[in-house]
Every structure is written in structure tokens, then in C-alpha cells.
Amino acid sequence: MTVEGTGPVRADLPAPTQMLTGPKVFRIVWKLNTDILVGYCWCGASREAEEPIALWEWLLDHPDTHPDVDA
């Protein structure tokens, strides 16, 4: 498959070697072969959920327990 102006699209790309880190970085990943999503807060806390809205609500409310961090 080719996307106009970009060259071939590959579905077998390797895992990223770098990820964003630091305060205010949230991550949600899908557990392969399940209906489970895992949310990770920048502080290292994580939570699993089947509903993305519930997971985002937790991630966005969770920082209220953190000390203030400059953006």
C-alpha cells in the first residue's frame, strides 16, 4: 500500500526506541488480543479498564494527587 506523497506504508514497523517522558505525559496502550486498555500516568501509576472514557477520566483526575508541576 502506498500513501500519496509518502511512499509505502508498512504494518510491520519496529517498536519505537524513544518515547515522550516527563510531567504531564499520559499514555494509553491496548493489551494485545484483549479488550483491555492500560493507562499510564507520568508518575508511574497505571490502571486497566475496558472503557476508554473511564480510563481517560482516571488519568485526567489522577494528577490532582501530584504535587504542582510546571507545564
PDB file of N, CA and C in Angstrom:
ATOM      1  N   MET A   1       0.849  -1.177   0.000  1.00  0.00           N
ATOM      2  CA  MET A   1       0.000   0.000   0.000  1.00  0.00           C
ATOM      3  C   MET A   1       0.893   1.238   0.000  1.00  0.00           C
ATOM      4  N   THR A   2       0.483   2.252  -0.743  1.00  0.00           N
ATOM      5  CA  THR A   2       1.241   3.496  -0.797  1.00  0.00           C
ATOM      6  C   THR A   2       0.317   4.662  -0.502  1.00  0.00           C
ATOM      7  N   VAL A   3       0.751   5.536   0.378  1.00  0.00           N
ATOM      8  CA  VAL A   3       0.022   6.764   0.663  1.00  0.00           C
ATOM      9  C   VAL A   3       0.635   7.841  -0.211  1.00  0.00           C
ATOM     10  N   GLU A   4      -0.199   8.560  -0.945  1.00  0.00           N
ATOM     11  CA  GLU A   4       0.278   9.548  -1.902  1.00  0.00           C
ATOM     12  C   GLU A   4       1.287  10.508  -1.274  1.00  0.00           C
ATOM     13  N   GLY A   5       2.450  10.578  -1.879  1.00  0.00           N
ATOM     14  CA  GLY A   5       3.472  11.516  -1.437  1.00  0.00           C
ATOM     15  C   GLY A   5       4.333  11.044  -0.273  1.00  0.00           C
ATOM     16  N   THR A   6       4.089   9.825   0.234  1.00  0.00           N
ATOM     17  CA  THR A   6       4.860   9.372   1.391  1.00  0.00           C
ATOM     18  C   THR A   6       5.608   8.078   1.158  1.00  0.00           C
ATOM     19  N   GLY A   7       5.284   7.340   0.130  1.00  0.00           N
ATOM     20  CA  GLY A   7       5.918   6.057  -0.091  1.00  0.00           C
ATOM     21  C   GLY A   7       5.102   4.935   0.526  1.00  0.00           C
ATOM     22  N   PRO A   8       5.658   3.742   0.557  1.00  0.00           N
ATOM     23  CA  PRO A   8       4.904   2.593   1.066  1.00  0.00           C
ATOM     24  C   PRO A   8       4.614   2.692   2.563  1.00  0.00           C
ATOM     25  N   VAL A   9       3.466   2.153   2.950  1.00  0.00           N
ATOM     26  CA  VAL A   9       3.080   2.090   4.361  1.00  0.00           C
ATOM     27  C   VAL A   9       3.357   0.676   4.838  1.00  0.00           C
ATOM     28  N   ARG A  10       4.061   0.558   5.958  1.00  0.00           N
ATOM     29  CA  ARG A  10       4.407  -0.760   6.482  1.00  0.00           C
ATOM     30  C   ARG A  10       3.688  -1.009   7.790  1.00  0.00           C
ATOM     31  N   ALA A  11       3.104  -2.177   7.917  1.00  0.00           N
ATOM     32  CA  ALA A  11       2.421  -2.541   9.151  1.00  0.00           C
ATOM     33  C   ALA A  11       3.352  -3.274  10.109  1.00  0.00           C
ATOM     34  N   ASP A  12       4.538  -3.614   9.661  1.00  0.00           N
ATOM     35  CA  ASP A  12       5.469  -4.385  10.493  1.00  0.00           C
ATOM     36  C   ASP A  12       6.596  -3.507  11.035  1.00  0.00           C
ATOM     37  N   LEU A  13       6.264  -2.277  11.387  1.00  0.00           N
ATOM     38  CA  LEU A  13       7.273  -1.365  11.915  1.00  0.00           C
ATOM     39  C   LEU A  13       7.767  -1.830  13.281  1.00  0.00           C
ATOM     40  N   PRO A  14       9.034  -1.608  13.585  1.00  0.00           N
ATOM     41  CA  PRO A  14       9.543  -1.985  14.908  1.00  0.00           C
ATOM     42  C   PRO A  14       8.972  -1.069  15.989  1.00  0.00           C
ATOM     43  N   ALA A  15       9.072  -1.515  17.219  1.00  0.00           N
ATOM     44  CA  ALA A  15       8.634  -0.699  18.352  1.00  0.00           C
ATOM     45  C   ALA A  15       9.478   0.568  18.405  1.00  0.00           C
ATOM     46  N   PRO A  16       8.903   1.657  18.878  1.00  0.00           N
ATOM     47  CA  PRO A  16       9.684   2.891  18.969  1.00  0.00           C
ATOM     48  C   PRO A  16      10.854   2.727  19.930  1.00  0.00           C
ATOM     49  N   THR A  17      11.938   3.415  19.641  1.00  0.00           N
ATOM     50  CA  THR A  17      13.107   3.353  20.517  1.00  0.00           C
ATOM     51  C   THR A  17      13.111   4.507  21.507  1.00  0.00           C
ATOM     52  N   GLN A  18      12.266   5.508  21.273  1.00  0.00           N
ATOM     53  CA  GLN A  18      12.168   6.634  22.188  1.00  0.00           C
ATOM     54  C   GLN A  18      10.703   6.951  22.427  1.00  0.00           C
ATOM     55  N   MET A  19      10.380   7.358  23.639  1.00  0.00           N
ATOM     56  CA  MET A  19       9.022   7.745  23.995  1.00  0.00           C
ATOM     57  C   MET A  19       9.099   9.061  24.749  1.00  0.00           C
ATOM     58  N   LEU A  20       8.043   9.845  24.670  1.00  0.00           N
ATOM     59  CA  LEU A  20       7.971  11.057  25.472  1.00  0.00           C
ATOM     60  C   LEU A  20       7.972  10.685  26.944  1.00  0.00           C
ATOM     61  N   THR A  21       8.623  11.487  27.752  1.00  0.00           N
ATOM     62  CA  THR A  21       8.641  11.267  29.193  1.00  0.00           C
ATOM     63  C   THR A  21       8.453  12.596  29.892  1.00  0.00           C
ATOM     64  N   GLY A  22       8.267  12.534  31.182  1.00  0.00           N
ATOM     65  CA  GLY A  22       8.204  13.743  31.981  1.00  0.00           C
ATOM     66  C   GLY A  22       6.809  14.073  32.453  1.00  0.00           C
ATOM     67  N   PRO A  23       6.713  15.102  33.270  1.00  0.00           N
ATOM     68  CA  PRO A  23       5.434  15.521  33.819  1.00  0.00           C
ATOM     69  C   PRO A  23       4.438  15.845  32.710  1.00  0.00           C
ATOM     70  N   LYS A  24       3.218  15.496  32.960  1.00  0.00           N
ATOM     71  CA  LYS A  24       2.103  15.775  32.054  1.00  0.00           C
ATOM     72  C   LYS A  24       2.018  14.831  30.863  1.00  0.00           C
ATOM     73  N   VAL A  25       2.828  13.749  30.822  1.00  0.00           N
ATOM     74  CA  VAL A  25       2.750  12.787  29.723  1.00  0.00           C
ATOM     75  C   VAL A  25       1.929  11.594  30.187  1.00  0.00           C
ATOM     76  N   PHE A  26       0.844  11.348  29.486  1.00  0.00           N
ATOM     77  CA  PHE A  26      -0.024  10.207  29.775  1.00  0.00           C
ATOM     78  C   PHE A  26       0.037   9.262  28.587  1.00  0.00           C
ATOM     79  N   ARG A  27      -0.158   7.987  28.850  1.00  0.00           N
ATOM     80  CA  ARG A  27      -0.094   7.002  27.775  1.00  0.00           C
ATOM     81  C   ARG A  27      -1.192   5.970  27.988  1.00  0.00           C
ATOM     82  N   ILE A  28      -1.857   5.604  26.908  1.00  0.00           N
ATOM     83  CA  ILE A  28      -2.828   4.514  26.946  1.00  0.00           C
ATOM     84  C   ILE A  28      -2.417   3.510  25.885  1.00  0.00           C
ATOM     85  N   VAL A  29      -2.317   2.259  26.287  1.00  0.00           N
ATOM     86  CA  VAL A  29      -1.963   1.193  25.352  1.00  0.00           C
ATOM     87  C   VAL A  29      -3.020   0.103  25.414  1.00  0.00           C
ATOM     88  N   TRP A  30      -3.114  -0.630  24.351  1.00  0.00           N
ATOM     89  CA  TRP A  30      -4.060  -1.727  24.236  1.00  0.00           C
ATOM     90  C   TRP A  30      -3.311  -3.021  24.497  1.00  0.00           C
ATOM     91  N   LYS A  31      -3.845  -3.861  25.387  1.00  0.00           N
ATOM     92  CA  LYS A  31      -3.241  -5.171  25.641  1.00  0.00           C
ATOM     93  C   LYS A  31      -3.618  -6.081  24.482  1.00  0.00           C
ATOM     94  N   LEU A  32      -2.622  -6.528  23.754  1.00  0.00           N
ATOM     95  CA  LEU A  32      -2.808  -7.332  22.560  1.00  0.00           C
ATOM     96  C   LEU A  32      -3.701  -8.542  22.825  1.00  0.00           C
ATOM     97  N   ASN A  33      -4.627  -8.771  21.929  1.00  0.00           N
ATOM     98  CA  ASN A  33      -5.557  -9.909  21.965  1.00  0.00           C
ATOM     99  C   ASN A  33      -6.529  -9.856  23.137  1.00  0.00           C
ATOM    100  N   THR A  34      -6.787  -8.662  23.669  1.00  0.00           N
ATOM    101  CA  THR A  34      -7.775  -8.494  24.737  1.00  0.00           C
ATOM    102  C   THR A  34      -8.606  -7.255  24.436  1.00  0.00           C
ATOM    103  N   ASP A  35      -9.588  -6.995  25.279  1.00  0.00           N
ATOM    104  CA  ASP A  35     -10.369  -5.762  25.202  1.00  0.00           C
ATOM    105  C   ASP A  35      -9.917  -4.784  26.284  1.00  0.00           C
ATOM    106  N   ILE A  36      -8.742  -5.004  26.825  1.00  0.00           N
ATOM    107  CA  ILE A  36      -8.245  -4.220  27.957  1.00  0.00           C
ATOM    108  C   ILE A  36      -7.323  -3.104  27.476  1.00  0.00           C
ATOM    109  N   LEU A  37      -7.550  -1.915  28.025  1.00  0.00           N
ATOM    110  CA  LEU A  37      -6.660  -0.775  27.815  1.00  0.00           C
ATOM    111  C   LEU A  37      -5.910  -0.532  29.117  1.00  0.00           C
ATOM    112  N   VAL A  38      -4.666  -0.101  29.008  1.00  0.00           N
ATOM    113  CA  VAL A  38      -3.872   0.220  30.192  1.00  0.00           C
ATOM    114  C   VAL A  38      -3.439   1.675  30.086  1.00  0.00           C
ATOM    115  N   GLY A  39      -3.765   2.446  31.117  1.00  0.00           N
ATOM    116  CA  GLY A  39      -3.375   3.848  31.163  1.00  0.00           C
ATOM    117  C   GLY A  39      -2.196   4.018  32.095  1.00  0.00           C
ATOM    118  N   TYR A  40      -1.214   4.796  31.660  1.00  0.00           N
ATOM    119  CA  TYR A  40      -0.021   5.066  32.457  1.00  0.00           C
ATOM    120  C   TYR A  40       0.090   6.563  32.693  1.00  0.00           C
ATOM    121  N   CYS A  41       0.251   6.936  33.943  1.00  0.00           N
ATOM    122  CA  CYS A  41       0.489   8.324  34.312  1.00  0.00           C
ATOM    123  C   CYS A  41       1.997   8.563  34.312  1.00  0.00           C
ATOM    124  N   TRP A  42       2.396   9.805  34.164  1.00  0.00           N
ATOM    125  CA  TRP A  42       3.822  10.132  34.165  1.00  0.00           C
ATOM    126  C   TRP A  42       4.499   9.779  35.480  1.00  0.00           C
ATOM    127  N   CYS A  43       3.721   9.644  36.569  1.00  0.00           N
ATOM    128  CA  CYS A  43       4.311   9.319  37.873  1.00  0.00           C
ATOM    129  C   CYS A  43       4.600   7.830  38.022  1.00  0.00           C
ATOM    130  N   GLY A  44       4.128   7.026  37.057  1.00  0.00           N
ATOM    131  CA  GLY A  44       4.346   5.589  37.120  1.00  0.00           C
ATOM    132  C   GLY A  44       3.116   4.796  37.506  1.00  0.00           C
ATOM    133  N   ALA A  45       2.070   5.474  37.975  1.00  0.00           N
ATOM    134  CA  ALA A  45       0.826   4.788  38.320  1.00  0.00           C
ATOM    135  C   ALA A  45       0.162   4.277  37.048  1.00  0.00           C
ATOM    136  N   SER A  46      -0.513   3.133  37.150  1.00  0.00           N
ATOM    137  CA  SER A  46      -1.222   2.589  35.993  1.00  0.00           C
ATOM    138  C   SER A  46      -2.551   2.007  36.433  1.00  0.00           C
ATOM    139  N   ARG A  47      -3.432   1.872  35.475  1.00  0.00           N
ATOM    140  CA  ARG A  47      -4.748   1.298  35.735  1.00  0.00           C
ATOM    141  C   ARG A  47      -5.234   0.648  34.452  1.00  0.00           C
ATOM    142  N   GLU A  48      -5.964  -0.475  34.597  1.00  0.00           N
ATOM    143  CA  GLU A  48      -6.550  -1.165  33.453  1.00  0.00           C
ATOM    144  C   GLU A  48      -8.043  -0.910  33.413  1.00  0.00           C
ATOM    145  N   ALA A  49      -8.585  -0.853  32.195  1.00  0.00           N
ATOM    146  CA  ALA A  49     -10.024  -0.672  32.024  1.00  0.00           C
ATOM    147  C   ALA A  49     -10.423  -1.152  30.635  1.00  0.00           C
ATOM    148  N   GLU A  50     -11.695  -1.525  30.501  1.00  0.00           N
ATOM    149  CA  GLU A  50     -12.228  -1.873  29.188  1.00  0.00           C
ATOM    150  C   GLU A  50     -12.814  -0.653  28.500  1.00  0.00           C
ATOM    151  N   GLU A  51     -13.214   0.338  29.269  1.00  0.00           N
ATOM    152  CA  GLU A  51     -13.846   1.532  28.723  1.00  0.00           C
ATOM    153  C   GLU A  51     -12.842   2.678  28.621  1.00  0.00           C
ATOM    154  N   PRO A  52     -12.598   3.192  27.416  1.00  0.00           N
ATOM    155  CA  PRO A  52     -11.623   4.275  27.275  1.00  0.00           C
ATOM    156  C   PRO A  52     -12.011   5.544  28.024  1.00  0.00           C
ATOM    157  N   ILE A  53     -13.294   5.844  28.112  1.00  0.00           N
ATOM    158  CA  ILE A  53     -13.713   7.062  28.815  1.00  0.00           C
ATOM    159  C   ILE A  53     -13.355   6.972  30.292  1.00  0.00           C
ATOM    160  N   ALA A  54     -13.601   5.822  30.901  1.00  0.00           N
ATOM    161  CA  ALA A  54     -13.262   5.638  32.317  1.00  0.00           C
ATOM    162  C   ALA A  54     -11.757   5.780  32.535  1.00  0.00           C
ATOM    163  N   LEU A  55     -10.988   5.255  31.614  1.00  0.00           N
ATOM    164  CA  LEU A  55      -9.533   5.333  31.742  1.00  0.00           C
ATOM    165  C   LEU A  55      -9.046   6.769  31.599  1.00  0.00           C
ATOM    166  N   TRP A  56      -9.580   7.518  30.636  1.00  0.00           N
ATOM    167  CA  TRP A  56      -9.197   8.923  30.482  1.00  0.00           C
ATOM    168  C   TRP A  56      -9.636   9.750  31.680  1.00  0.00           C
ATOM    169  N   GLU A  57     -10.811   9.457  32.212  1.00  0.00           N
ATOM    170  CA  GLU A  57     -11.257  10.186  33.408  1.00  0.00           C
ATOM    171  C   GLU A  57     -10.287   9.960  34.556  1.00  0.00           C
ATOM    172  N   TRP A  58      -9.853   8.716  34.744  1.00  0.00           N
ATOM    173  CA  TRP A  58      -8.893   8.431  35.809  1.00  0.00           C
ATOM    174  C   TRP A  58      -7.576   9.169  35.557  1.00  0.00           C
ATOM    175  N   LEU A  59      -7.065   9.092  34.328  1.00  0.00           N
ATOM    176  CA  LEU A  59      -5.797   9.759  34.025  1.00  0.00           C
ATOM    177  C   LEU A  59      -5.874  11.258  34.250  1.00  0.00           C
ATOM    178  N   LEU A  60      -6.955  11.874  33.831  1.00  0.00           N
ATOM    179  CA  LEU A  60      -7.064  13.326  33.955  1.00  0.00           C
ATOM    180  C   LEU A  60      -7.357  13.762  35.379  1.00  0.00           C
ATOM    181  N   ASP A  61      -8.012  12.914  36.185  1.00  0.00           N
ATOM    182  CA  ASP A  61      -8.266  13.239  37.586  1.00  0.00           C
ATOM    183  C   ASP A  61      -7.088  12.870  38.484  1.00  0.00           C
ATOM    184  N   HIS A  62      -6.347  11.845  38.115  1.00  0.00           N
ATOM    185  CA  HIS A  62      -5.250  11.322  38.925  1.00  0.00           C
ATOM    186  C   HIS A  62      -4.207  12.388  39.276  1.00  0.00           C
ATOM    187  N   PRO A  63      -3.832  13.273  38.364  1.00  0.00           N
ATOM    188  CA  PRO A  63      -2.789  14.244  38.716  1.00  0.00           C
ATOM    189  C   PRO A  63      -3.167  15.171  39.864  1.00  0.00           C
ATOM    190  N   ASP A  64      -4.439  15.229  40.243  1.00  0.00           N
ATOM    191  CA  ASP A  64      -4.820  16.070  41.379  1.00  0.00           C
ATOM    192  C   ASP A  64      -4.104  15.650  42.654  1.00  0.00           C
ATOM    193  N   THR A  65      -3.600  14.425  42.691  1.00  0.00           N
ATOM    194  CA  THR A  65      -2.891  13.946  43.873  1.00  0.00           C
ATOM    195  C   THR A  65      -1.388  14.222  43.791  1.00  0.00           C
ATOM    196  N   HIS A  66      -0.917  14.717  42.659  1.00  0.00           N
ATOM    197  CA  HIS A  66       0.502  15.019  42.491  1.00  0.00           C
ATOM    198  C   HIS A  66       0.827  16.409  43.020  1.00  0.00           C
ATOM    199  N   PRO A  67       2.077  16.618  43.393  1.00  0.00           N
ATOM    200  CA  PRO A  67       2.492  17.988  43.711  1.00  0.00           C
ATOM    201  C   PRO A  67       2.437  18.828  42.435  1.00  0.00           C
ATOM    202  N   ASP A  68       2.340  20.145  42.583  1.00  0.00           N
ATOM    203  CA  ASP A  68       2.298  21.026  41.414  1.00  0.00           C
ATOM    204  C   ASP A  68       3.570  20.868  40.591  1.00  0.00           C
ATOM    205  N   VAL A  69       3.376  20.789  39.273  1.00  0.00           N
ATOM    206  CA  VAL A  69       4.489  20.657  38.340  1.00  0.00           C
ATOM    207  C   VAL A  69       4.308  21.712  37.270  1.00  0.00           C
ATOM    208  N   ASP A  70       5.377  22.445  36.976  1.00  0.00           N
ATOM    209  CA  ASP A  70       5.298  23.449  35.911  1.00  0.00           C
ATOM    210  C   ASP A  70       5.113  22.758  34.579  1.00  0.00           C
ATOM    211  N   ALA A  71       4.253  23.303  33.733  1.00  0.00           N
ATOM    212  CA  ALA A  71       3.981  22.711  32.418  1.00  0.00           C
ATOM    213  C   ALA A  71       5.132  22.924  31.465  1.00  0.00           C
TER     214      ALA A  71
END
